[in-house]
Structure formats: structure tokens, C-alpha cells
C-alpha atoms as a PDB file:
ATOM      1  CA  MET A   1      60.871  -1.995  55.209  1.00  0.00           C
ATOM      2  CA  GLU A   2      61.241  -4.149  52.292  1.00  0.00           C
ATOM      3  CA  MET A   3      57.496  -3.926  51.155  1.00  0.00           C
ATOM      4  CA  PHE A   4      58.441  -0.465  50.341  1.00  0.00           C
ATOM      5  CA  LYS A   5      59.910  -0.389  46.914  1.00  0.00           C
ATOM      6  CA  SER A   6      60.687   2.672  44.511  1.00  0.00           C
ATOM      7  CA  ASN A   7      60.583   2.040  40.717  1.00  0.00           C
ATOM      8  CA  SER A   8      64.169   2.924  40.317  1.00  0.00           C
ATOM      9  CA  ASP A   9      65.065   0.115  42.964  1.00  0.00           C
ATOM     10  CA  VAL A  10      67.114   2.189  44.792  1.00  0.00           C
ATOM     11  CA  LYS A  11      68.367   1.671  48.518  1.00  0.00           C
ATOM     12  CA  HIS A  12      66.028   2.977  50.887  1.00  0.00           C
ATOM     13  CA  LYS A  13      67.963   6.159  52.199  1.00  0.00           C
ATOM     14  CA  LEU A  14      65.982   8.847  52.950  1.00  0.00           C
ATOM     15  CA  PRO A  15      66.710  12.395  51.879  1.00  0.00           C
ATOM     16  CA  ASN A  16      67.877  14.718  54.773  1.00  0.00           C
ATOM     17  CA  HIS A  17      64.944  17.174  54.323  1.00  0.00           C
ATOM     18  CA  LEU A  18      62.527  14.075  55.209  1.00  0.00           C
ATOM     19  CA  LYS A  19      64.947  13.131  58.019  1.00  0.00           C
ATOM     20  CA  ILE A  20      64.698  16.306  59.794  1.00  0.00           C
ATOM     21  CA  SER A  21      60.944  16.243  59.295  1.00  0.00           C
ATOM     22  CA  ILE A  22      60.376  13.029  60.816  1.00  0.00           C
ATOM     23  CA  LEU A  23      62.557  13.979  63.630  1.00  0.00           C
ATOM     24  CA  ILE A  24      60.494  17.479  64.191  1.00  0.00           C
ATOM     25  CA  ILE A  25      57.564  15.473  64.181  1.00  0.00           C
ATOM     26  CA  ALA A  26      58.342  12.886  66.754  1.00  0.00           C
ATOM     27  CA  SER A  27      60.112  15.686  69.129  1.00  0.00           C
ATOM     28  CA  SER A  28      56.932  17.771  68.993  1.00  0.00           C
ATOM     29  CA  PHE A  29      54.860  14.524  69.991  1.00  0.00           C
ATOM     30  CA  LEU A  30      57.487  13.588  72.879  1.00  0.00           C
ATOM     31  CA  ALA A  31      57.265  17.447  74.013  1.00  0.00           C
ATOM     32  CA  TYR A  32      53.342  17.495  73.935  1.00  0.00           C
ATOM     33  CA  SER A  33      53.011  14.295  75.903  1.00  0.00           C
ATOM     34  CA  VAL A  34      55.706  15.494  78.531  1.00  0.00           C
ATOM     35  CA  TYR A  35      53.556  18.770  79.069  1.00  0.00           C
ATOM     36  CA  TRP A  36      50.599  16.636  79.626  1.00  0.00           C
ATOM     37  CA  THR A  37      52.164  13.971  82.071  1.00  0.00           C
ATOM     38  CA  ALA A  38      53.283  16.681  83.949  1.00  0.00           C
ATOM     39  CA  TYR A  39      49.988  18.781  83.759  1.00  0.00           C
ATOM     40  CA  SER A  40      48.212  15.451  84.791  1.00  0.00           C
ATOM     41  CA  VAL A  41      50.466  14.680  87.909  1.00  0.00           C
ATOM     42  CA  LEU A  42      49.443  18.222  89.257  1.00  0.00           C
ATOM     43  CA  TRP A  43      45.932  17.839  88.373  1.00  0.00           C
ATOM     44  CA  ILE A  44      45.563  14.588  90.353  1.00  0.00           C
ATOM     45  CA  TYR A  45      47.537  16.061  93.282  1.00  0.00           C
ATOM     46  CA  ASN A  46      45.067  18.773  93.360  1.00  0.00           C
ATOM     47  CA  ILE A  47      42.126  16.447  93.058  1.00  0.00           C
ATOM     48  CA  THR A  48      43.466  13.936  95.537  1.00  0.00           C
ATOM     49  CA  ILE A  49      43.782  17.199  98.134  1.00  0.00           C
ATOM     50  CA  ASN A  50      40.722  19.080  97.216  1.00  0.00           C
ATOM     51  CA  ILE A  51      38.135  16.461  96.047  1.00  0.00           C
ATOM     52  CA  THR A  52      35.754  16.516  99.105  1.00  0.00           C
ATOM     53  CA  SER A  53      35.371  20.094  99.227  1.00  0.00           C
ATOM     54  CA  TRP A  54      34.922  20.297  95.240  1.00  0.00           C
ATOM     55  CA  PHE A  55      31.969  17.538  95.649  1.00  0.00           C
ATOM     56  CA  ARG A  56      30.817  19.661  98.465  1.00  0.00           C
ATOM     57  CA  ILE A  57      30.704  22.641  96.334  1.00  0.00           C
ATOM     58  CA  LEU A  58      29.224  20.587  93.391  1.00  0.00           C
ATOM     59  CA  ASN A  59      26.419  19.060  95.305  1.00  0.00           C
ATOM     60  CA  ILE A  60      26.485  16.183  93.283  1.00  0.00           C
ATOM     61  CA  GLY A  61      25.782  12.491  94.330  1.00  0.00           C
ATOM     62  CA  ASN A  62      27.776   9.501  95.438  1.00  0.00           C
ATOM     63  CA  LEU A  63      27.474   7.425  92.229  1.00  0.00           C
ATOM     64  CA  GLN A  64      28.428  10.524  90.075  1.00  0.00           C
ATOM     65  CA  GLN A  65      31.487  11.301  92.610  1.00  0.00           C
ATOM     66  CA  ASN A  66      32.754   7.709  92.267  1.00  0.00           C
ATOM     67  CA  ILE A  67      32.511   7.852  88.419  1.00  0.00           C
ATOM     68  CA  ILE A  68      34.373  11.324  88.557  1.00  0.00           C
ATOM     69  CA  ILE A  69      37.073   9.803  90.519  1.00  0.00           C
ATOM     70  CA  ILE A  70      37.719   6.962  88.235  1.00  0.00           C
ATOM     71  CA  GLN A  71      37.406   9.282  84.950  1.00  0.00           C
ATOM     72  CA  GLU A  72      39.951  11.582  86.290  1.00  0.00           C
ATOM     73  CA  TYR A  73      42.428   8.909  87.266  1.00  0.00           C
ATOM     74  CA  ALA A  74      41.948   7.084  84.121  1.00  0.00           C
ATOM     75  CA  ALA A  75      42.742  10.112  82.248  1.00  0.00           C
ATOM     76  CA  SER A  76      45.911  10.855  84.192  1.00  0.00           C
ATOM     77  CA  ALA A  77      47.054   7.160  83.615  1.00  0.00           C
ATOM     78  CA  GLY A  78      46.138   7.794  79.979  1.00  0.00           C
ATOM     79  CA  TYR A  79      48.775  10.437  79.378  1.00  0.00           C
ATOM     80  CA  PHE A  80      51.367   8.279  81.500  1.00  0.00           C
ATOM     81  CA  LEU A  81      50.512   5.685  78.475  1.00  0.00           C
ATOM     82  CA  ALA A  82      50.765   8.713  76.081  1.00  0.00           C
ATOM     83  CA  ILE A  83      54.177   9.637  76.951  1.00  0.00           C
ATOM     84  CA  ILE A  84      55.333   5.693  76.619  1.00  0.00           C
ATOM     85  CA  SER A  85      54.025   6.082  72.913  1.00  0.00           C
ATOM     86  CA  ALA A  86      55.759   9.365  72.543  1.00  0.00           C
ATOM     87  CA  ILE A  87      59.189   7.784  73.512  1.00  0.00           C
ATOM     88  CA  PHE A  88      58.652   4.724  71.341  1.00  0.00           C
ATOM     89  CA  ALA A  89      57.519   7.026  68.426  1.00  0.00           C
ATOM     90  CA  PHE A  90      60.932   9.333  68.868  1.00  0.00           C
ATOM     91  CA  GLN A  91      62.888   5.683  68.921  1.00  0.00           C
ATOM     92  CA  CYS A  92      61.016   4.880  65.861  1.00  0.00           C
ATOM     93  CA  ALA A  93      62.270   8.180  64.251  1.00  0.00           C
ATOM     94  CA  ILE A  94      65.591   7.560  65.177  1.00  0.00           C
ATOM     95  CA  LEU A  95      65.552   4.218  63.692  1.00  0.00           C
ATOM     96  CA  ILE A  96      63.971   5.212  60.434  1.00  0.00           C
ATOM     97  CA  ILE A  97      66.746   7.867  59.941  1.00  0.00           C
ATOM     98  CA  LYS A  98      69.238   5.178  60.646  1.00  0.00           C
ATOM     99  CA  ASN A  99      67.485   2.874  57.922  1.00  0.00           C
ATOM    100  CA  ASN A 100      67.341   0.165  60.785  1.00  0.00           C
ATOM    101  CA  LYS A 101      64.588  -1.976  59.937  1.00  0.00           C
ATOM    102  CA  LYS A 102      63.909  -2.618  63.792  1.00  0.00           C
ATOM    103  CA  TYR A 103      61.708   0.637  63.688  1.00  0.00           C
ATOM    104  CA  LEU A 104      58.798  -1.489  62.734  1.00  0.00           C
ATOM    105  CA  ASP A 105      58.845  -3.087  66.333  1.00  0.00           C
ATOM    106  CA  LYS A 106      58.852   0.747  67.980  1.00  0.00           C
ATOM    107  CA  LEU A 107      56.215   1.849  65.646  1.00  0.00           C
ATOM    108  CA  GLY A 108      53.846  -1.154  66.741  1.00  0.00           C
ATOM    109  CA  LYS A 109      54.812  -0.118  70.400  1.00  0.00           C
ATOM    110  CA  THR A 110      53.837   3.498  69.637  1.00  0.00           C
ATOM    111  CA  LEU A 111      50.523   2.296  68.108  1.00  0.00           C
ATOM    112  CA  LEU A 112      49.867  -0.095  71.137  1.00  0.00           C
ATOM    113  CA  PHE A 113      50.300   2.577  73.799  1.00  0.00           C
ATOM    114  CA  ASN A 114      48.686   5.259  71.751  1.00  0.00           C
ATOM    115  CA  ALA A 115      45.563   3.117  71.386  1.00  0.00           C
ATOM    116  CA  LEU A 116      45.615   2.197  75.097  1.00  0.00           C
ATOM    117  CA  PHE A 117      45.616   6.127  75.864  1.00  0.00           C
ATOM    118  CA  PHE A 118      42.113   6.205  73.963  1.00  0.00           C
ATOM    119  CA  ALA A 119      40.940   3.399  75.810  1.00  0.00           C
ATOM    120  CA  MET A 120      41.528   5.483  78.987  1.00  0.00           C
ATOM    121  CA  LEU A 121      38.759   8.098  77.756  1.00  0.00           C
ATOM    122  CA  LEU A 122      36.029   5.351  78.200  1.00  0.00           C
ATOM    123  CA  PRO A 123      35.135   6.519  81.827  1.00  0.00           C
ATOM    124  CA  SER A 124      34.907  10.103  80.627  1.00  0.00           C
ATOM    125  CA  SER A 125      32.426   8.849  77.871  1.00  0.00           C
ATOM    126  CA  ILE A 126      30.259   6.830  80.071  1.00  0.00           C
ATOM    127  CA  HIS A 127      30.146   9.697  82.742  1.00  0.00           C
ATOM    128  CA  HIS A 128      29.002  12.238  80.397  1.00  0.00           C
ATOM    129  CA  LEU A 129      26.426   9.837  78.487  1.00  0.00           C
ATOM    130  CA  LEU A 130      25.076   8.314  81.406  1.00  0.00           C
ATOM    131  CA  GLY A 131      25.270  11.703  83.360  1.00  0.00           C
ATOM    132  CA  SER A 132      23.471  13.207  80.314  1.00  0.00           C
ATOM    133  CA  PHE A 133      20.589  10.457  80.503  1.00  0.00           C
ATOM    134  CA  LEU A 134      20.311  11.153  84.374  1.00  0.00           C
ATOM    135  CA  SER A 135      20.398  14.743  84.236  1.00  0.00           C
ATOM    136  CA  TRP A 136      23.656  15.142  86.136  1.00  0.00           C
ATOM    137  CA  THR A 137      25.669  18.382  86.544  1.00  0.00           C
ATOM    138  CA  ASN A 138      28.644  19.617  84.271  1.00  0.00           C
ATOM    139  CA  VAL A 139      27.997  16.967  81.575  1.00  0.00           C
ATOM    140  CA  ASP A 140      27.572  17.058  77.628  1.00  0.00           C
ATOM    141  CA  ILE A 141      26.405  14.539  75.528  1.00  0.00           C
ATOM    142  CA  TYR A 142      28.782  15.902  72.812  1.00  0.00           C
ATOM    143  CA  VAL A 143      31.716  15.498  75.205  1.00  0.00           C
ATOM    144  CA  GLY A 144      30.621  11.646  75.953  1.00  0.00           C
ATOM    145  CA  LEU A 145      29.962  10.618  72.130  1.00  0.00           C
ATOM    146  CA  SER A 146      33.197  12.328  71.040  1.00  0.00           C
ATOM    147  CA  PHE A 147      35.203  10.451  73.752  1.00  0.00           C
ATOM    148  CA  LEU A 148      33.247   7.324  72.772  1.00  0.00           C
ATOM    149  CA  LEU A 149      33.694   7.404  69.059  1.00  0.00           C
ATOM    150  CA  GLN A 150      37.541   8.174  69.273  1.00  0.00           C
ATOM    151  CA  VAL A 151      38.137   4.860  71.246  1.00  0.00           C
ATOM    152  CA  LEU A 152      35.950   2.865  69.119  1.00  0.00           C
ATOM    153  CA  LEU A 153      37.535   4.206  65.803  1.00  0.00           C
ATOM    154  CA  ILE A 154      40.933   4.594  66.831  1.00  0.00           C
ATOM    155  CA  ALA A 155      41.834   1.955  69.443  1.00  0.00           C
ATOM    156  CA  PRO A 156      40.822  -1.445  68.115  1.00  0.00           C
ATOM    157  CA  THR A 157      42.365  -0.999  64.504  1.00  0.00           C
ATOM    158  CA  SER A 158      45.563   0.583  66.199  1.00  0.00           C
ATOM    159  CA  ILE A 159      45.919  -2.471  68.323  1.00  0.00           C
ATOM    160  CA  ILE A 160      45.213  -4.980  65.466  1.00  0.00           C
ATOM    161  CA  LEU A 161      47.714  -3.114  63.385  1.00  0.00           C
ATOM    162  CA  SER A 162      50.476  -2.976  66.162  1.00  0.00           C
ATOM    163  CA  HIS A 163      50.188  -6.724  66.392  1.00  0.00           C
ATOM    164  CA  LYS A 164      50.535  -7.352  62.649  1.00  0.00           C
ATOM    165  CA  LEU A 165      53.927  -5.134  62.928  1.00  0.00           C
ATOM    166  CA  ARG A 166      55.263  -7.552  65.110  1.00  0.00           C
ATOM    167  CA  LYS A 167      55.113  -9.838  62.135  1.00  0.00           C
ATOM    168  CA  PRO A 168      56.965  -8.217  59.419  1.00  0.00           C
ATOM    169  CA  HIS A 169      56.905 -11.065  57.068  1.00  0.00           C
ATOM    170  CA  SER A 170      53.175 -10.857  56.914  1.00  0.00           C
ATOM    171  CA  LYS A 171      53.401  -7.776  54.501  1.00  0.00           C
ATOM    172  CA  THR A 172      49.508  -7.936  52.897  1.00  0.00           C
ATOM    173  CA  SER A 173      48.236  -7.954  56.339  1.00  0.00           C
ATOM    174  CA  ILE A 174      50.403  -5.307  57.495  1.00  0.00           C
ATOM    175  CA  LEU A 175      49.276  -3.331  54.360  1.00  0.00           C
ATOM    176  CA  LYS A 176      45.509  -4.130  54.926  1.00  0.00           C
ATOM    177  CA  TRP A 177      45.381  -2.817  58.401  1.00  0.00           C
ATOM    178  CA  VAL A 178      47.318   0.205  57.204  1.00  0.00           C
ATOM    179  CA  THR A 179      44.498   1.236  54.904  1.00  0.00           C
ATOM    180  CA  ILE A 180      41.892   0.551  57.200  1.00  0.00           C
ATOM    181  CA  SER A 181      43.275   2.412  60.354  1.00  0.00           C
ATOM    182  CA  ALA A 182      44.863   5.556  58.862  1.00  0.00           C
ATOM    183  CA  PRO A 183      41.225   6.602  57.650  1.00  0.00           C
ATOM    184  CA  LEU A 184      39.603   5.785  60.703  1.00  0.00           C
ATOM    185  CA  ALA A 185      42.046   7.748  62.724  1.00  0.00           C
ATOM    186  CA  VAL A 186      41.804  10.738  60.808  1.00  0.00           C
ATOM    187  CA  LEU A 187      37.898  10.105  61.105  1.00  0.00           C
ATOM    188  CA  GLY A 188      38.272  10.321  64.870  1.00  0.00           C
ATOM    189  CA  PHE A 189      39.960  13.257  65.218  1.00  0.00           C
ATOM    190  CA  TRP A 190      37.631  14.737  62.836  1.00  0.00           C
ATOM    191  CA  ILE A 191      34.682  13.793  65.053  1.00  0.00           C
ATOM    192  CA  LYS A 192      36.615  14.907  67.959  1.00  0.00           C
ATOM    193  CA  TYR A 193      37.092  18.467  67.095  1.00  0.00           C
ATOM    194  CA  LEU A 194      33.528  18.730  65.137  1.00  0.00           C
ATOM    195  CA  LEU A 195      32.008  17.730  68.681  1.00  0.00           C
ATOM    196  CA  PHE A 196      34.229  19.985  70.586  1.00  0.00           C
ATOM    197  CA  TRP A 197      33.186  22.998  68.552  1.00  0.00           C
ATOM    198  CA  LEU A 198      29.724  22.039  68.908  1.00  0.00           C
ATOM    199  CA  ALA A 199      29.784  21.311  72.361  1.00  0.00           C
ATOM    200  CA  THR A 200      32.032  23.991  73.642  1.00  0.00           C
ATOM    201  CA  LEU A 201      33.293  26.606  71.242  1.00  0.00           C
ATOM    202  CA  TYR A 202      30.300  27.459  69.491  1.00  0.00           C
ATOM    203  CA  PRO A 203      28.021  27.758  72.425  1.00  0.00           C
ATOM    204  CA  LEU A 204      30.500  29.988  74.528  1.00  0.00           C
ATOM    205  CA  GLY A 205      31.769  32.178  71.419  1.00  0.00           C
ATOM    206  CA  PRO A 206      30.868  35.690  70.686  1.00  0.00           C
ATOM    207  CA  LYS A 207      26.630  36.124  70.204  1.00  0.00           C
ATOM    208  CA  GLN A 208      27.763  37.990  66.988  1.00  0.00           C
ATOM    209  CA  PRO A 209      29.144  35.872  64.482  1.00  0.00           C
ATOM    210  CA  ASN A 210      32.508  37.487  62.666  1.00  0.00           C
ATOM    211  CA  LEU A 211      35.186  36.546  60.529  1.00  0.00           C
ATOM    212  CA  ALA A 212      37.567  34.732  62.754  1.00  0.00           C
ATOM    213  CA  THR A 213      34.464  32.435  64.369  1.00  0.00           C
ATOM    214  CA  ILE A 214      32.956  31.999  61.027  1.00  0.00           C
ATOM    215  CA  ILE A 215      36.461  30.785  59.789  1.00  0.00           C
ATOM    216  CA  GLY A 216      36.640  28.460  63.344  1.00  0.00           C
ATOM    217  CA  GLY A 217      33.519  26.906  62.572  1.00  0.00           C
ATOM    218  CA  VAL A 218      34.469  26.125  59.061  1.00  0.00           C
ATOM    219  CA  ASN A 219      37.641  24.776  59.999  1.00  0.00           C
ATOM    220  CA  SER A 220      36.056  22.592  62.446  1.00  0.00           C
ATOM    221  CA  PHE A 221      33.506  21.184  60.185  1.00  0.00           C
ATOM    222  CA  VAL A 222      35.805  20.802  56.755  1.00  0.00           C
ATOM    223  CA  THR A 223      39.486  20.872  57.536  1.00  0.00           C
ATOM    224  CA  LEU A 224      39.965  17.538  59.093  1.00  0.00           C
ATOM    225  CA  LEU A 225      37.308  16.239  56.628  1.00  0.00           C
ATOM    226  CA  ILE A 226      39.004  16.771  53.558  1.00  0.00           C
ATOM    227  CA  ALA A 227      42.197  15.323  55.170  1.00  0.00           C
ATOM    228  CA  GLY A 228      40.391  12.132  55.913  1.00  0.00           C
ATOM    229  CA  ILE A 229      38.823  11.898  52.437  1.00  0.00           C
ATOM    230  CA  LEU A 230      42.227  12.374  51.053  1.00  0.00           C
ATOM    231  CA  THR A 231      43.634  10.017  53.340  1.00  0.00           C
ATOM    232  CA  SER A 232      41.147   7.242  52.366  1.00  0.00           C
ATOM    233  CA  LEU A 233      41.636   8.004  48.963  1.00  0.00           C
ATOM    234  CA  ALA A 234      45.537   7.356  49.337  1.00  0.00           C
ATOM    235  CA  CYS A 235      44.696   4.326  50.887  1.00  0.00           C
ATOM    236  CA  ILE A 236      42.437   2.852  48.293  1.00  0.00           C
ATOM    237  CA  ILE A 237      45.116   3.418  45.945  1.00  0.00           C
ATOM    238  CA  VAL A 238      47.519   1.815  47.922  1.00  0.00           C
ATOM    239  CA  TYR A 239      45.363  -1.415  48.509  1.00  0.00           C
ATOM    240  CA  ARG A 240      44.469  -1.539  44.965  1.00  0.00           C
ATOM    241  CA  LYS A 241      47.028  -0.596  42.886  1.00  0.00           C
ATOM    242  CA  LYS A 242      49.935  -1.100  45.224  1.00  0.00           C
ATOM    243  CA  ARG A 243      51.387   2.256  44.854  1.00  0.00           C
ATOM    244  CA  VAL A 244      51.633   5.165  47.186  1.00  0.00           C
ATOM    245  CA  ASN A 245      50.832   8.401  45.996  1.00  0.00           C
ATOM    246  CA  ILE A 246      52.734  10.594  47.747  1.00  0.00           C
ATOM    247  CA  ARG A 247      51.196  13.990  46.584  1.00  0.00           C
ATOM    248  CA  VAL A 248      47.869  12.945  48.311  1.00  0.00           C
ATOM    249  CA  VAL A 249      49.758  11.766  51.207  1.00  0.00           C
ATOM    250  CA  GLY A 250      51.451  15.163  51.636  1.00  0.00           C
ATOM    251  CA  ILE A 251      48.320  17.317  51.044  1.00  0.00           C
ATOM    252  CA  ALA A 252      46.539  14.961  53.588  1.00  0.00           C
ATOM    253  CA  LEU A 253      49.039  15.871  56.065  1.00  0.00           C
ATOM    254  CA  ILE A 254      49.234  19.514  55.015  1.00  0.00           C
ATOM    255  CA  LEU A 255      45.515  19.912  55.710  1.00  0.00           C
ATOM    256  CA  PHE A 256      45.601  17.864  59.109  1.00  0.00           C
ATOM    257  CA  GLY A 257      48.043  20.222  60.426  1.00  0.00           C
ATOM    258  CA  SER A 258      46.348  23.463  58.945  1.00  0.00           C
ATOM    259  CA  HIS A 259      43.601  22.392  61.202  1.00  0.00           C
ATOM    260  CA  PHE A 260      45.500  23.085  64.109  1.00  0.00           C
ATOM    261  CA  ILE A 261      47.504  26.306  62.803  1.00  0.00           C
ATOM    262  CA  ILE A 262      43.873  28.012  61.878  1.00  0.00           C
ATOM    263  CA  TYR A 263      42.876  27.211  65.080  1.00  0.00           C
ATOM    264  CA  ASP A 264      46.048  28.746  66.710  1.00  0.00           C
ATOM    265  CA  LEU A 265      45.412  32.030  64.554  1.00  0.00           C
ATOM    266  CA  ILE A 266      41.712  32.254  65.557  1.00  0.00           C
ATOM    267  CA  SER A 267      42.783  31.925  69.293  1.00  0.00           C
ATOM    268  CA  ILE A 268      44.550  35.151  68.666  1.00  0.00           C
ATOM    269  CA  TRP A 269      40.952  36.916  68.191  1.00  0.00           C
ATOM    270  CA  VAL A 270      38.567  34.748  69.696  1.00  0.00           C
ATOM    271  CA  PRO A 271      39.310  34.513  73.660  1.00  0.00           C
ATOM    272  CA  VAL A 272      37.171  31.169  73.996  1.00  0.00           C
ATOM    273  CA  TYR A 273      39.343  29.491  71.424  1.00  0.00           C
ATOM    274  CA  LYS A 274      42.475  30.766  73.193  1.00  0.00           C
ATOM    275  CA  SER A 275      41.251  29.306  76.598  1.00  0.00           C
ATOM    276  CA  PHE A 276      40.671  26.076  75.140  1.00  0.00           C
ATOM    277  CA  LEU A 277      43.941  25.903  73.131  1.00  0.00           C
ATOM    278  CA  TYR A 278      45.541  23.624  75.712  1.00  0.00           C
ATOM    279  CA  LEU A 279      43.322  20.963  75.235  1.00  0.00           C
ATOM    280  CA  THR A 280      44.110  20.693  71.521  1.00  0.00           C
ATOM    281  CA  ASP A 281      46.617  18.285  69.829  1.00  0.00           C
ATOM    282  CA  PHE A 282      48.500  21.141  69.106  1.00  0.00           C
ATOM    283  CA  TRP A 283      51.471  19.168  68.658  1.00  0.00           C
ATOM    284  CA  MET A 284      50.288  18.443  65.096  1.00  0.00           C
ATOM    285  CA  ILE A 285      50.826  22.096  63.897  1.00  0.00           C
ATOM    286  CA  VAL A 286      54.237  20.621  62.551  1.00  0.00           C
ATOM    287  CA  LEU A 287      52.716  17.835  60.395  1.00  0.00           C
ATOM    288  CA  PRO A 288      52.904  20.452  57.244  1.00  0.00           C
ATOM    289  CA  ILE A 289      56.314  20.368  57.554  1.00  0.00           C
ATOM    290  CA  LEU A 290      56.142  16.604  56.654  1.00  0.00           C
ATOM    291  CA  GLY A 291      53.665  16.709  54.192  1.00  0.00           C
ATOM    292  CA  LEU A 292      55.587  19.575  52.229  1.00  0.00           C
ATOM    293  CA  SER A 293      59.004  17.448  52.268  1.00  0.00           C
ATOM    294  CA  LEU A 294      57.071  14.506  50.464  1.00  0.00           C
ATOM    295  CA  PHE A 295      56.234  16.662  47.779  1.00  0.00           C
ATOM    296  CA  LYS A 296      60.333  16.530  46.953  1.00  0.00           C
ATOM    297  CA  MET A 297      59.826  12.844  46.451  1.00  0.00           C
ATOM    298  CA  LYS A 298      58.198  10.505  43.820  1.00  0.00           C
ATOM    299  CA  SER A 299      55.391   8.033  44.163  1.00  0.00           C
ATOM    300  CA  PHE A 300      56.471   4.642  44.540  1.00  0.00           C
ATOM    301  CA  ASN A 301      55.047   1.068  44.200  1.00  0.00           C
ATOM    302  CA  ILE A 302      54.954  -1.415  46.951  1.00  0.00           C
ATOM    303  CA  ASN A 303      55.974  -4.966  47.070  1.00  0.00           C
ATOM    304  CA  THR A 304      54.043  -7.664  48.898  1.00  0.00           C
END
């Protein structure tokens, strides 16, 4: 991408360790998406077969029944959008490794389908928020807020950035929306896991706090928050000084991935963490690999 240019003005050939890191990230995202797509197919099959008996057991009204059906089918459709996003991400990684500028188009499509995946969370948000006011069963206001805020923080800016990437000559506009969407995306994940802890992990955890649960709680509050602050700092530097601070970006990636590594370790000692492990974005445990790889590179200026 011509807008990124090093101070030494060398050709934009990535070092092998960075190529490997990018490929690991893309492969992890793809494997995660395949898992959830397969899981959603089985889940929708079970719902279709057993939904009448489930509703009878839960003893819920017709309005909630209809919203649940919409919620579950929308979520399943979302995972099909996610796997399309992951396929484009993998193609994007291959093109980056080959130093092919067409990666921008694949990156734009990755962001678009990922944004649509988040948009599919809206029915779940409506179900939980509406149900909290109407005193429905099996709903939680924290869950509803989590879904809603994820959609609002991640989807709109991702769609706009996706559109901008289709016009690579508009470098200033692309840069602007990169610096807007990146911090909001991290903020969206921080809110997701903070509310996930408040709604599920804390209430269902051990009655007497222990070292593992304390670390888990601090992890939910702090790790992604600091990653978001550093991401915002990196974006401010990019926007004002037209310079990418590799160290700040690297530390942000390490912290982002460390949230999931810490969660996985906590799940060894805390059963409730383990039981909800599959609901986390566990593919992101590989992000520190990319963060550490960036430490071997120098910060560089951006030409717009």
C-alpha cells in the first residue's frame, strides 16, 4: 500500500517472521469461524426439531417465542457471514505475504462481512432488552446492552472503512476511518467481555473469591481497556504525526490477545470460566505472536 512508506524508502517486503505471524492470525480466525459455522448448523437443526417442546417446557408467550426464533436464525446466519469474512481475511493475508496490492479489496470485504456478522446480533439485543422490561424469562439486560453496543461501536465504522478501501486512491479518507474504527472495535470487545463477566461469570462464580476469580475479574475490567487506550494513542499518533508507532501497536496487540490467554488459564481452576470458554473469541490468543513480531520492526511514516 503506497500510503505506508518507511523512512529508509525501501521496498515494502515483509520479513518472514511477520509473514508467518499474519498467516497464523488469519488461519486461527478461519478455524474459529469454521467451528462456529458447524456448531450453528447443528444448533439450528436441534431448534427446528425440538422448538415446540422447548417452548412448552419454558412456558413462554407467543411474542417471546417469535423473537427467540428470529434471534436464533439471525445468529446462525451471522456465523455464515463470519466464515465468509474469515475466508476473505485468509485471502487478504496471502496477498499481503505476496506483496500484492489487491489485498485492500479483500480487507474491505473482510470488514464488510464482519460488520454484517455483528449486525445479526441486533435481534438478540432486542430480545434481552425488551424482555428485561417485560419480565420475560431467560433474559438479561447486561447481555442485551452488550449486543447492542457491539453493533453500534463496530458495525457502522467497519462498513464505512470497507467502502473507503474500495477507493485506494483516497488515502486520507482511509487513514481517517482506520483511526476511528480501530479504537471503537477494541472498545466494543472490552464492553462485550466486561458485561459478559458482570452478567454471567461473576454471578455464577464461587461465592468466596479466590486468586483465580480475582485475576479473572481484573482481566475483564482492565486488559482490554488498556489495549483500547493504547490503540487510541497509536491512532492519534498516526492521525496527527502521520507516523505508525510500532511499539504501541505491538503492545496493544499483546494485551488484546493476553485477555484471552488469561481467561483460558483461569478456566483451568474456575469451572464456570471453563463452561463458557467456547463463547469467547478464543482464536485471538494468537494475537501476541503478531504483537511480538512487530517489535522487530521500526516505526515508519505515512504518505498521504
